[in-house]
C-alpha atoms as a PDB file:
ATOM      1  CA  MET A   1     -18.630 -13.680   3.903  1.00  0.00           C
ATOM      2  CA  ASN A   2     -15.500 -15.865   4.679  1.00  0.00           C
ATOM      3  CA  ALA A   3     -13.739 -14.040   1.954  1.00  0.00           C
ATOM      4  CA  LYS A   4     -14.795 -10.602   3.482  1.00  0.00           C
ATOM      5  CA  ARG A   5     -13.633 -11.741   6.368  1.00  0.00           C
ATOM      6  CA  ALA A   6     -10.099 -12.804   5.246  1.00  0.00           C
ATOM      7  CA  ILE A   7     -10.207  -9.931   3.393  1.00  0.00           C
ATOM      8  CA  LEU A   8     -10.457  -7.359   5.981  1.00  0.00           C
ATOM      9  CA  ALA A   9      -8.053  -9.820   8.232  1.00  0.00           C
ATOM     10  CA  ALA A  10      -5.566  -9.230   5.786  1.00  0.00           C
ATOM     11  CA  ALA A  11      -5.935  -5.133   5.460  1.00  0.00           C
ATOM     12  CA  MET A  12      -5.906  -4.933   9.387  1.00  0.00           C
ATOM     13  CA  SER A  13      -2.375  -6.662   9.497  1.00  0.00           C
ATOM     14  CA  ILE A  14      -0.815  -4.711   6.361  1.00  0.00           C
ATOM     15  CA  PRO A  15       0.271  -1.607   9.347  1.00  0.00           C
ATOM     16  CA  ALA A  16       1.487  -4.187  12.033  1.00  0.00           C
ATOM     17  CA  ALA A  17       3.565  -5.784   9.242  1.00  0.00           C
ATOM     18  CA  ILE A  18       4.980  -2.087   8.024  1.00  0.00           C
ATOM     19  CA  HIS A  19       5.958  -1.487  11.866  1.00  0.00           C
ATOM     20  CA  ALA A  20       7.683  -4.502  11.738  1.00  0.00           C
ATOM     21  CA  TRP A  21       9.464  -4.040   8.763  1.00  0.00           C
ATOM     22  CA  GLY A  22      10.518  -0.751   9.794  1.00  0.00           C
ATOM     23  CA  ALA A  23      12.327  -2.608  12.795  1.00  0.00           C
ATOM     24  CA  GLN A  24      16.143  -3.595  12.852  1.00  0.00           C
ATOM     25  CA  GLN A  25      17.491  -6.367  15.056  1.00  0.00           C
ATOM     26  CA  HIS A  26      21.027  -7.035  15.630  1.00  0.00           C
ATOM     27  CA  THR A  27      22.431  -9.467  18.375  1.00  0.00           C
ATOM     28  CA  VAL A  28      24.734  -7.312  20.799  1.00  0.00           C
ATOM     29  CA  GLN A  29      27.252  -8.733  23.515  1.00  0.00           C
ATOM     30  CA  GLY A  30      29.500  -6.545  25.627  1.00  0.00           C
ATOM     31  CA  ILE A  31      30.151  -5.996  29.236  1.00  0.00           C
ATOM     32  CA  LEU A  32      27.274  -4.453  31.527  1.00  0.00           C
ATOM     33  CA  LEU A  33      28.399  -1.174  32.740  1.00  0.00           C
ATOM     34  CA  LYS A  34      25.438   0.357  34.606  1.00  0.00           C
ATOM     35  CA  VAL A  35      22.042  -1.357  35.144  1.00  0.00           C
ATOM     36  CA  ASP A  36      19.223   1.272  36.364  1.00  0.00           C
ATOM     37  CA  ARG A  37      16.387  -0.548  37.716  1.00  0.00           C
ATOM     38  CA  SER A  38      13.941   2.477  38.332  1.00  0.00           C
ATOM     39  CA  LYS A  39      14.259   3.820  34.861  1.00  0.00           C
ATOM     40  CA  GLY A  40      14.589   0.014  33.284  1.00  0.00           C
ATOM     41  CA  ALA A  41      17.606   0.517  31.779  1.00  0.00           C
ATOM     42  CA  ILE A  42      21.170  -0.873  30.911  1.00  0.00           C
ATOM     43  CA  THR A  43      24.425   0.639  29.727  1.00  0.00           C
ATOM     44  CA  VAL A  44      26.745  -1.967  27.852  1.00  0.00           C
ATOM     45  CA  SER A  45      30.221  -1.545  26.384  1.00  0.00           C
ATOM     46  CA  CYS A  46      29.386  -3.252  23.411  1.00  0.00           C
ATOM     47  CA  ASP A  47      31.725  -5.591  21.190  1.00  0.00           C
ATOM     48  CA  ALA A  48      31.622  -4.300  17.073  1.00  0.00           C
ATOM     49  CA  ILE A  49      28.871  -5.809  15.092  1.00  0.00           C
ATOM     50  CA  PRO A  50      30.781  -6.329  11.410  1.00  0.00           C
ATOM     51  CA  GLY A  51      29.375  -4.111   8.888  1.00  0.00           C
ATOM     52  CA  TYR A  52      26.788  -2.219  11.191  1.00  0.00           C
ATOM     53  CA  MET A  53      28.910  -0.933  14.201  1.00  0.00           C
ATOM     54  CA  GLU A  54      32.099  -0.436  16.013  1.00  0.00           C
ATOM     55  CA  ALA A  55      32.810  -1.402  19.456  1.00  0.00           C
ATOM     56  CA  MET A  56      31.477   1.189  21.700  1.00  0.00           C
ATOM     57  CA  VAL A  57      29.273   2.216  24.619  1.00  0.00           C
ATOM     58  CA  MET A  58      25.455   2.473  24.476  1.00  0.00           C
ATOM     59  CA  PRO A  59      22.578   2.681  26.720  1.00  0.00           C
ATOM     60  CA  PHE A  60      19.218   0.563  26.111  1.00  0.00           C
ATOM     61  CA  ALA A  61      16.061   0.432  27.309  1.00  0.00           C
ATOM     62  CA  VAL A  62      15.357  -3.013  28.576  1.00  0.00           C
ATOM     63  CA  ARG A  63      11.464  -4.208  27.639  1.00  0.00           C
ATOM     64  CA  GLU A  64      11.701  -7.129  30.519  1.00  0.00           C
ATOM     65  CA  PRO A  65      12.411  -5.095  33.664  1.00  0.00           C
ATOM     66  CA  GLU A  66      12.231  -8.471  35.484  1.00  0.00           C
ATOM     67  CA  VAL A  67      15.758  -9.686  34.499  1.00  0.00           C
ATOM     68  CA  LEU A  68      17.144  -6.734  35.855  1.00  0.00           C
ATOM     69  CA  LYS A  69      16.834  -7.974  39.539  1.00  0.00           C
ATOM     70  CA  THR A  70      19.438 -10.619  38.676  1.00  0.00           C
ATOM     71  CA  ILE A  71      22.298  -8.865  37.009  1.00  0.00           C
ATOM     72  CA  THR A  72      25.211  -6.921  37.783  1.00  0.00           C
ATOM     73  CA  PRO A  73      27.876  -4.725  36.299  1.00  0.00           C
ATOM     74  CA  GLY A  74      30.736  -6.317  35.099  1.00  0.00           C
ATOM     75  CA  ALA A  75      28.659  -9.315  33.497  1.00  0.00           C
ATOM     76  CA  THR A  76      29.055 -10.646  29.866  1.00  0.00           C
ATOM     77  CA  VAL A  77      25.522 -10.247  28.596  1.00  0.00           C
ATOM     78  CA  ARG A  78      23.822 -10.880  25.148  1.00  0.00           C
ATOM     79  CA  PHE A  79      20.639  -9.628  23.896  1.00  0.00           C
ATOM     80  CA  THR A  80      18.728  -8.763  20.910  1.00  0.00           C
ATOM     81  CA  MET A  81      19.358  -5.080  19.634  1.00  0.00           C
ATOM     82  CA  VAL A  82      15.757  -3.807  18.202  1.00  0.00           C
ATOM     83  CA  GLU A  83      15.904  -0.258  16.466  1.00  0.00           C
ATOM     84  CA  ARG A  84      12.864   1.337  15.682  1.00  0.00           C
ATOM     85  CA  ARG A  85      12.207   4.869  14.685  1.00  0.00           C
ATOM     86  CA  HIS A  86      15.386   6.351  16.218  1.00  0.00           C
ATOM     87  CA  GLU A  87      14.610   4.046  19.618  1.00  0.00           C
ATOM     88  CA  GLU A  88      17.080   1.337  20.912  1.00  0.00           C
ATOM     89  CA  TYR A  89      15.889  -1.157  23.111  1.00  0.00           C
ATOM     90  CA  ALA A  90      17.252  -4.614  24.689  1.00  0.00           C
ATOM     91  CA  GLU A  91      15.102  -7.858  24.364  1.00  0.00           C
ATOM     92  CA  HIS A  92      15.781 -11.163  25.668  1.00  0.00           C
ATOM     93  CA  LEU A  93      18.280 -10.060  28.008  1.00  0.00           C
ATOM     94  CA  GLN A  94      20.618 -12.400  29.424  1.00  0.00           C
ATOM     95  CA  THR A  95      24.272 -13.052  30.958  1.00  0.00           C
ATOM     96  CA  VAL A  96      26.562 -14.959  29.034  1.00  0.00           C
ATOM     97  CA  LYS A  97      28.925 -17.577  31.130  1.00  0.00           C
ATOM     98  CA  VAL A  98      32.434 -16.797  30.093  1.00  0.00           C
ATOM     99  CA  VAL A  99      34.078 -20.030  28.259  1.00  0.00           C
ATOM    100  CA  ASN A 100      37.438 -20.635  27.537  1.00  0.00           C
ATOM    101  CA  TYR A 101      38.567 -23.737  26.339  1.00  0.00           C
ATOM    102  CA  GLU A 102      42.220 -23.420  26.341  1.00  0.00           C
ATOM    103  CA  SER A 103      44.095 -25.883  28.694  1.00  0.00           C
ATOM    104  CA  GLU A 104      44.589 -23.533  31.685  1.00  0.00           C
ATOM    105  CA  PRO A 105      41.169 -22.238  32.067  1.00  0.00           C
ATOM    106  CA  THR A 106      39.705 -25.469  31.643  1.00  0.00           C
ATOM    107  CA  GLU A 107      41.645 -27.214  34.657  1.00  0.00           C
ATOM    108  CA  ALA A 108      41.411 -24.170  36.799  1.00  0.00           C
ATOM    109  CA  ALA A 109      37.690 -24.353  36.148  1.00  0.00           C
ATOM    110  CA  ARG A 110      37.803 -28.141  36.976  1.00  0.00           C
ATOM    111  CA  LEU A 111      39.587 -27.659  40.079  1.00  0.00           C
ATOM    112  CA  THR A 112      37.719 -24.515  41.584  1.00  0.00           C
ATOM    113  CA  PHE A 113      34.335 -26.842  40.938  1.00  0.00           C
ATOM    114  CA  LEU A 114      36.245 -29.684  43.386  1.00  0.00           C
ATOM    115  CA  GLN A 115      37.735 -27.425  45.966  1.00  0.00           C
ATOM    116  CA  LYS A 116      33.856 -25.761  46.163  1.00  0.00           C
ATOM    117  CA  ALA A 117      32.511 -29.096  46.634  1.00  0.00           C
ATOM    118  CA  MET A 118      35.027 -30.276  49.465  1.00  0.00           C
ATOM    119  CA  ASP A 119      35.119 -26.705  51.024  1.00  0.00           C
ATOM    120  CA  PRO A 120      31.654 -25.251  50.525  1.00  0.00           C
ATOM    121  CA  ALA A 121      32.498 -22.538  53.391  1.00  0.00           C
ATOM    122  CA  ALA A 122      34.864 -21.063  50.566  1.00  0.00           C
ATOM    123  CA  ALA A 123      32.202 -19.697  48.732  1.00  0.00           C
ATOM    124  CA  ALA A 124      30.716 -17.864  51.453  1.00  0.00           C
ATOM    125  CA  LYS A 125      33.866 -15.601  51.566  1.00  0.00           C
ATOM    126  CA  GLU A 126      33.619 -14.320  48.146  1.00  0.00           C
ATOM    127  CA  VAL A 127      32.448 -10.538  47.998  1.00  0.00           C
ATOM    128  CA  ALA A 128      29.364  -9.923  45.802  1.00  0.00           C
ATOM    129  CA  VAL A 129      28.918  -6.994  43.761  1.00  0.00           C
ATOM    130  CA  GLY A 130      27.832  -4.188  46.215  1.00  0.00           C
ATOM    131  CA  GLN A 131      29.521  -5.508  49.389  1.00  0.00           C
ATOM    132  CA  GLN A 132      32.258  -4.255  51.108  1.00  0.00           C
ATOM    133  CA  VAL A 133      35.703  -5.546  50.775  1.00  0.00           C
ATOM    134  CA  PRO A 134      37.369  -6.699  53.373  1.00  0.00           C
ATOM    135  CA  ASP A 135      40.389  -4.909  54.365  1.00  0.00           C
ATOM    136  CA  PHE A 136      43.961  -6.559  53.723  1.00  0.00           C
ATOM    137  CA  THR A 137      47.633  -5.963  54.037  1.00  0.00           C
ATOM    138  CA  LEU A 138      50.312  -7.256  51.570  1.00  0.00           C
ATOM    139  CA  ILE A 139      53.792  -5.829  50.534  1.00  0.00           C
ATOM    140  CA  ASP A 140      54.762  -3.815  47.645  1.00  0.00           C
ATOM    141  CA  GLN A 141      57.778  -3.523  45.208  1.00  0.00           C
ATOM    142  CA  ALA A 142      58.687  -0.554  46.909  1.00  0.00           C
ATOM    143  CA  GLN A 143      58.494  -3.095  50.193  1.00  0.00           C
ATOM    144  CA  HIS A 144      55.878  -0.775  51.678  1.00  0.00           C
ATOM    145  CA  ALA A 145      53.045  -2.503  53.452  1.00  0.00           C
ATOM    146  CA  THR A 146      49.822  -1.716  51.620  1.00  0.00           C
ATOM    147  CA  ARG A 147      46.302  -1.530  53.216  1.00  0.00           C
ATOM    148  CA  LEU A 148      43.566  -1.815  50.524  1.00  0.00           C
ATOM    149  CA  THR A 149      41.911   0.582  52.780  1.00  0.00           C
ATOM    150  CA  GLN A 150      44.596   3.444  52.135  1.00  0.00           C
ATOM    151  CA  PHE A 151      42.647   3.865  48.697  1.00  0.00           C
ATOM    152  CA  ARG A 152      39.449   4.876  50.416  1.00  0.00           C
ATOM    153  CA  GLY A 153      38.456   7.734  48.156  1.00  0.00           C
ATOM    154  CA  LYS A 154      39.702   6.318  45.080  1.00  0.00           C
ATOM    155  CA  VAL A 155      38.670   3.459  42.644  1.00  0.00           C
ATOM    156  CA  VAL A 156      40.895   0.368  42.126  1.00  0.00           C
ATOM    157  CA  ALA A 157      41.442  -1.987  39.550  1.00  0.00           C
ATOM    158  CA  LEU A 158      42.883  -5.127  40.839  1.00  0.00           C
ATOM    159  CA  THR A 159      43.647  -8.370  39.267  1.00  0.00           C
ATOM    160  CA  PHE A 160      46.436 -11.258  39.558  1.00  0.00           C
ATOM    161  CA  ALA A 161      49.539 -12.413  38.014  1.00  0.00           C
ATOM    162  CA  TYR A 162      52.945 -14.218  38.478  1.00  0.00           C
ATOM    163  CA  SER A 163      56.052 -13.249  36.320  1.00  0.00           C
ATOM    164  CA  ARG A 164      57.068 -16.780  34.988  1.00  0.00           C
ATOM    165  CA  CYS A 165      53.432 -17.300  33.725  1.00  0.00           C
ATOM    166  CA  PRO A 166      54.406 -18.852  30.301  1.00  0.00           C
ATOM    167  CA  ASN A 167      51.144 -18.154  28.138  1.00  0.00           C
ATOM    168  CA  PRO A 168      50.594 -14.283  26.706  1.00  0.00           C
ATOM    169  CA  ASN A 169      46.976 -14.375  26.806  1.00  0.00           C
ATOM    170  CA  TYR A 170      46.657 -15.163  30.619  1.00  0.00           C
ATOM    171  CA  CYS A 171      48.694 -13.040  33.067  1.00  0.00           C
ATOM    172  CA  PHE A 172      50.423 -10.788  30.601  1.00  0.00           C
ATOM    173  CA  ARG A 173      47.075 -10.233  29.111  1.00  0.00           C
ATOM    174  CA  LEU A 174      45.539  -9.432  32.150  1.00  0.00           C
ATOM    175  CA  SER A 175      48.283  -6.716  33.448  1.00  0.00           C
ATOM    176  CA  ASN A 176      48.681  -5.533  30.106  1.00  0.00           C
ATOM    177  CA  ASN A 177      44.903  -4.560  30.606  1.00  0.00           C
ATOM    178  CA  LEU A 178      45.709  -2.591  33.809  1.00  0.00           C
ATOM    179  CA  ALA A 179      48.765  -0.653  31.570  1.00  0.00           C
ATOM    180  CA  GLN A 180      46.010   0.298  29.246  1.00  0.00           C
ATOM    181  CA  LEU A 181      44.193   1.912  32.135  1.00  0.00           C
ATOM    182  CA  SER A 182      47.217   3.738  32.983  1.00  0.00           C
ATOM    183  CA  ARG A 183      47.334   5.239  29.786  1.00  0.00           C
ATOM    184  CA  ARG A 184      43.958   5.667  29.519  1.00  0.00           C
ATOM    185  CA  PHE A 185      43.231   7.633  32.700  1.00  0.00           C
ATOM    186  CA  HIS A 186      47.028   8.973  33.127  1.00  0.00           C
ATOM    187  CA  ASP A 187      45.867  12.129  34.528  1.00  0.00           C
ATOM    188  CA  ARG A 188      43.970  10.236  37.465  1.00  0.00           C
ATOM    189  CA  THR A 189      46.081   7.536  38.363  1.00  0.00           C
ATOM    190  CA  GLY A 190      46.913   8.125  42.001  1.00  0.00           C
ATOM    191  CA  ARG A 191      44.259  11.119  42.288  1.00  0.00           C
ATOM    192  CA  ASP A 192      41.180   9.015  41.258  1.00  0.00           C
ATOM    193  CA  LEU A 193      42.276   5.771  40.568  1.00  0.00           C
ATOM    194  CA  ILE A 194      44.755   2.889  42.115  1.00  0.00           C
ATOM    195  CA  LEU A 195      46.085  -0.345  40.116  1.00  0.00           C
ATOM    196  CA  VAL A 196      46.535  -2.972  42.038  1.00  0.00           C
ATOM    197  CA  THR A 197      48.587  -6.869  40.888  1.00  0.00           C
ATOM    198  CA  ILE A 198      48.533  -9.229  43.132  1.00  0.00           C
ATOM    199  CA  VAL A 199      51.248 -11.702  42.651  1.00  0.00           C
ATOM    200  CA  ILE A 200      50.707 -15.226  43.635  1.00  0.00           C
ATOM    201  CA  ASP A 201      54.054 -16.721  43.524  1.00  0.00           C
ATOM    202  CA  PRO A 202      55.869 -15.458  46.549  1.00  0.00           C
ATOM    203  CA  ASP A 203      58.669 -17.982  46.453  1.00  0.00           C
ATOM    204  CA  ASP A 204      59.689 -16.671  43.009  1.00  0.00           C
ATOM    205  CA  ASP A 205      58.327 -13.165  43.494  1.00  0.00           C
ATOM    206  CA  GLN A 206      59.402 -11.090  45.873  1.00  0.00           C
ATOM    207  CA  GLY A 207      62.170  -8.322  47.032  1.00  0.00           C
ATOM    208  CA  LYS A 208      64.250  -7.346  44.031  1.00  0.00           C
ATOM    209  CA  ALA A 209      62.460  -9.844  41.354  1.00  0.00           C
ATOM    210  CA  LEU A 210      59.327  -8.057  42.763  1.00  0.00           C
ATOM    211  CA  GLU A 211      60.529  -4.780  41.796  1.00  0.00           C
ATOM    212  CA  LYS A 212      62.031  -6.004  38.592  1.00  0.00           C
ATOM    213  CA  TYR A 213      58.552  -7.455  37.321  1.00  0.00           C
ATOM    214  CA  ALA A 214      56.689  -4.123  38.336  1.00  0.00           C
ATOM    215  CA  ASP A 215      59.633  -2.614  36.068  1.00  0.00           C
ATOM    216  CA  THR A 216      58.453  -4.088  33.016  1.00  0.00           C
ATOM    217  CA  TRP A 217      55.411  -2.661  32.825  1.00  0.00           C
ATOM    218  CA  LYS A 218      56.907   0.949  33.808  1.00  0.00           C
ATOM    219  CA  ALA A 219      54.882   1.028  36.760  1.00  0.00           C
ATOM    220  CA  ASP A 220      54.936   3.616  39.074  1.00  0.00           C
ATOM    221  CA  PRO A 221      54.843   2.237  42.776  1.00  0.00           C
ATOM    222  CA  ALA A 222      52.716   5.568  44.109  1.00  0.00           C
ATOM    223  CA  THR A 223      49.857   4.463  41.070  1.00  0.00           C
ATOM    224  CA  TRP A 224      50.622   0.935  40.437  1.00  0.00           C
ATOM    225  CA  HIS A 225      51.047  -1.491  43.161  1.00  0.00           C
ATOM    226  CA  PHE A 226      52.388  -5.012  42.773  1.00  0.00           C
ATOM    227  CA  LEU A 227      51.496  -6.699  46.181  1.00  0.00           C
ATOM    228  CA  THR A 228      52.809 -10.001  47.434  1.00  0.00           C
ATOM    229  CA  GLY A 229      53.150 -11.501  50.825  1.00  0.00           C
ATOM    230  CA  LYS A 230      52.973 -14.919  52.594  1.00  0.00           C
ATOM    231  CA  LEU A 231      51.338 -17.699  50.827  1.00  0.00           C
ATOM    232  CA  ASP A 232      48.203 -18.417  53.403  1.00  0.00           C
ATOM    233  CA  ASP A 233      47.836 -14.355  52.964  1.00  0.00           C
ATOM    234  CA  ILE A 234      47.673 -14.248  49.289  1.00  0.00           C
ATOM    235  CA  ARG A 235      45.398 -17.282  48.944  1.00  0.00           C
ATOM    236  CA  SER A 236      42.987 -15.501  51.747  1.00  0.00           C
ATOM    237  CA  VAL A 237      42.688 -12.464  49.277  1.00  0.00           C
ATOM    238  CA  ALA A 238      42.203 -14.477  46.534  1.00  0.00           C
ATOM    239  CA  GLN A 239      39.349 -16.025  47.938  1.00  0.00           C
ATOM    240  CA  LEU A 240      37.512 -12.961  48.275  1.00  0.00           C
ATOM    241  CA  PHE A 241      37.359 -12.446  44.687  1.00  0.00           C
ATOM    242  CA  GLY A 242      36.893 -16.070  43.805  1.00  0.00           C
ATOM    243  CA  MET A 243      40.139 -16.483  42.226  1.00  0.00           C
ATOM    244  CA  ASN A 244      41.865 -19.633  42.935  1.00  0.00           C
ATOM    245  CA  PHE A 245      45.643 -21.023  41.953  1.00  0.00           C
ATOM    246  CA  TRP A 246      47.434 -24.561  42.096  1.00  0.00           C
ATOM    247  CA  ASN A 247      51.074 -25.022  42.191  1.00  0.00           C
ATOM    248  CA  ASP A 248      51.255 -27.684  39.086  1.00  0.00           C
ATOM    249  CA  GLU A 249      55.020 -28.677  38.332  1.00  0.00           C
ATOM    250  CA  GLY A 250      56.543 -25.484  38.957  1.00  0.00           C
ATOM    251  CA  PHE A 251      53.806 -23.605  37.043  1.00  0.00           C
ATOM    252  CA  LEU A 252      50.435 -22.151  38.501  1.00  0.00           C
ATOM    253  CA  THR A 253      47.203 -23.178  37.408  1.00  0.00           C
ATOM    254  CA  HIS A 254      45.081 -20.433  38.249  1.00  0.00           C
ATOM    255  CA  SER A 255      41.456 -19.129  37.282  1.00  0.00           C
ATOM    256  CA  PHE A 256      41.304 -15.310  35.875  1.00  0.00           C
ATOM    257  CA  HIS A 257      39.678 -12.256  37.604  1.00  0.00           C
ATOM    258  CA  THR A 258      39.997  -8.623  37.140  1.00  0.00           C
ATOM    259  CA  VAL A 259      37.881  -6.347  40.156  1.00  0.00           C
ATOM    260  CA  VAL A 260      37.005  -3.161  40.261  1.00  0.00           C
ATOM    261  CA  ILE A 261      36.699  -1.460  43.716  1.00  0.00           C
ATOM    262  CA  ASP A 262      34.689   1.950  44.199  1.00  0.00           C
ATOM    263  CA  ARG A 263      35.377   4.919  46.266  1.00  0.00           C
ATOM    264  CA  GLU A 264      33.736   3.472  49.511  1.00  0.00           C
ATOM    265  CA  GLY A 265      35.620  -0.104  49.054  1.00  0.00           C
ATOM    266  CA  ARG A 266      32.641  -1.926  47.935  1.00  0.00           C
ATOM    267  CA  MET A 267      33.050  -4.506  45.234  1.00  0.00           C
ATOM    268  CA  ALA A 268      31.734  -2.443  42.066  1.00  0.00           C
ATOM    269  CA  ALA A 269      32.308  -5.428  39.469  1.00  0.00           C
ATOM    270  CA  ASN A 270      34.482  -8.734  39.394  1.00  0.00           C
ATOM    271  CA  LEU A 271      35.063  -9.850  35.561  1.00  0.00           C
ATOM    272  CA  GLU A 272      36.207 -13.162  35.416  1.00  0.00           C
ATOM    273  CA  GLY A 273      37.896 -14.713  32.422  1.00  0.00           C
ATOM    274  CA  ASN A 274      39.963 -12.924  29.624  1.00  0.00           C
ATOM    275  CA  GLN A 275      37.555 -12.647  27.072  1.00  0.00           C
ATOM    276  CA  PHE A 276      37.032  -8.718  27.258  1.00  0.00           C
ATOM    277  CA  THR A 277      39.116  -5.860  25.859  1.00  0.00           C
ATOM    278  CA  ALA A 278      41.203  -3.526  27.599  1.00  0.00           C
ATOM    279  CA  GLN A 279      38.663  -0.858  26.227  1.00  0.00           C
ATOM    280  CA  GLN A 280      35.706  -2.452  27.795  1.00  0.00           C
ATOM    281  CA  LEU A 281      37.624  -2.366  31.045  1.00  0.00           C
ATOM    282  CA  GLY A 282      38.464   1.122  30.789  1.00  0.00           C
ATOM    283  CA  ASP A 283      34.797   1.829  30.163  1.00  0.00           C
ATOM    284  CA  LEU A 284      33.898  -0.057  33.277  1.00  0.00           C
ATOM    285  CA  VAL A 285      36.190   1.557  35.283  1.00  0.00           C
ATOM    286  CA  GLN A 286      35.158   4.795  33.446  1.00  0.00           C
ATOM    287  CA  THR A 287      31.619   4.185  34.725  1.00  0.00           C
ATOM    288  CA  VAL A 288      32.510   3.713  38.235  1.00  0.00           C
ATOM    289  CA  LEU A 289      34.954   6.996  38.429  1.00  0.00           C
ATOM    290  CA  ARG A 290      32.018   8.873  37.421  1.00  0.00           C
ATOM    291  CA  ARG A 291      29.848   7.960  40.218  1.00  0.00           C
ATOM    292  CA  PRO A 292      29.681  10.357  43.030  1.00  0.00           C
ATOM    293  CA  SER A 293      31.191   9.320  46.363  1.00  0.00           C
ATOM    294  CA  GLN A 294      28.723   8.698  49.394  1.00  0.00           C
ATOM    295  CA  GLY A 295      30.382  11.556  51.017  1.00  0.00           C
ATOM    296  CA  ALA A 296      29.868  13.736  48.203  1.00  0.00           C
ATOM    297  CA  VAL A 297      26.132  12.842  48.258  1.00  0.00           C
ATOM    298  CA  ALA A 298      26.002  13.410  51.736  1.00  0.00           C
ATOM    299  CA  THR A 299      27.552  16.913  51.837  1.00  0.00           C
ATOM    300  CA  THR A 300      25.036  17.758  49.058  1.00  0.00           C
ATOM    301  CA  ALA A 301      22.215  16.464  50.860  1.00  0.00           C
ATOM    302  CA  LYS A 302      23.405  18.620  53.916  1.00  0.00           C
ATOM    303  CA  VAL A 303      23.688  21.475  51.709  1.00  0.00           C
ATOM    304  CA  SER A 304      20.617  20.940  49.743  1.00  0.00           C
ATOM    305  CA  ASN A 305      18.930  20.733  53.585  1.00  0.00           C
ATOM    306  CA  ALA A 306      20.232  23.527  54.719  1.00  0.00           C
ATOM    307  CA  THR A 307      19.733  26.042  52.160  1.00  0.00           C
ATOM    308  CA  THR A 308      15.934  24.859  52.312  1.00  0.00           C
ATOM    309  CA  SER A 309      15.690  25.402  56.026  1.00  0.00           C
ATOM    310  CA  GLY A 310      17.328  29.145  55.419  1.00  0.00           C
ATOM    311  CA  ASN A 311      14.676  29.948  52.976  1.00  0.00           C
ATOM    312  CA  SER A 312      11.876  28.654  54.786  1.00  0.00           C
ATOM    313  CA  SER A 313      12.963  30.888  57.652  1.00  0.00           C
ATOM    314  CA  HIS A 314      12.488  33.745  55.768  1.00  0.00           C
ATOM    315  CA  GLN A 315       8.696  32.791  54.443  1.00  0.00           C
END
């Protein structure tokens, strides 16, 4: 009897084994572009998987919808991609803390931790994803006072830098990401997309020096604003995005942040570090550009309601 049961159990397990063998699994990492909690799905700008796929944007169903309550666009995520019967879905989804073992980011992380420990109120000033970014005013390379709110109705991509930064993987890389955006969205910059670099060394980067720094990137002041001002004002703006910097024997130690702000002035994403690619930042900006503005949604709703009302009157 026991032998018969063993044979029966083995026979019943064969279809499940065949089903499992038909599935491919790969570990995927990338930048989260979109979270659709109502559909239990995400869209990710995925890193390349050698020998399997190039870097690309892909949507995935998520089999553990609870995790979607805590993740936000701009986060680095890692998960198991399961491919079965022409369906790809994500399992074991988790956010990945960006780690950079180069000296400056490591020191910046240590100083940030100490600053937050000494000034707990500083963290409360940070703008979370989905929150409105407070208005601020700084001076651009053309010596024009520039307010964040003047870009309302457009998407803003913003980062921080200073001209004397000695490491090409730091300020140069973050500014080059914006230069790549300028090329990728050349027909939309100024009209739909504004680029902003906040320069954190006002003692050296102001006036003609700031204009010269902007010229190294061939930045059109109508579409790419290099902003500076009083040191306290710059620090106040940096705090909004969790960005910190300190003077260290003439050079600045600073954390890395690249921010995307939507058309309504809300924080769409805050990418920490410099491990993402310009392509991934562009994919994120494109996702935000494709969102309908709240004004457009409201107008559509009014037209729809008026049409419905008009149709009802003829019935």
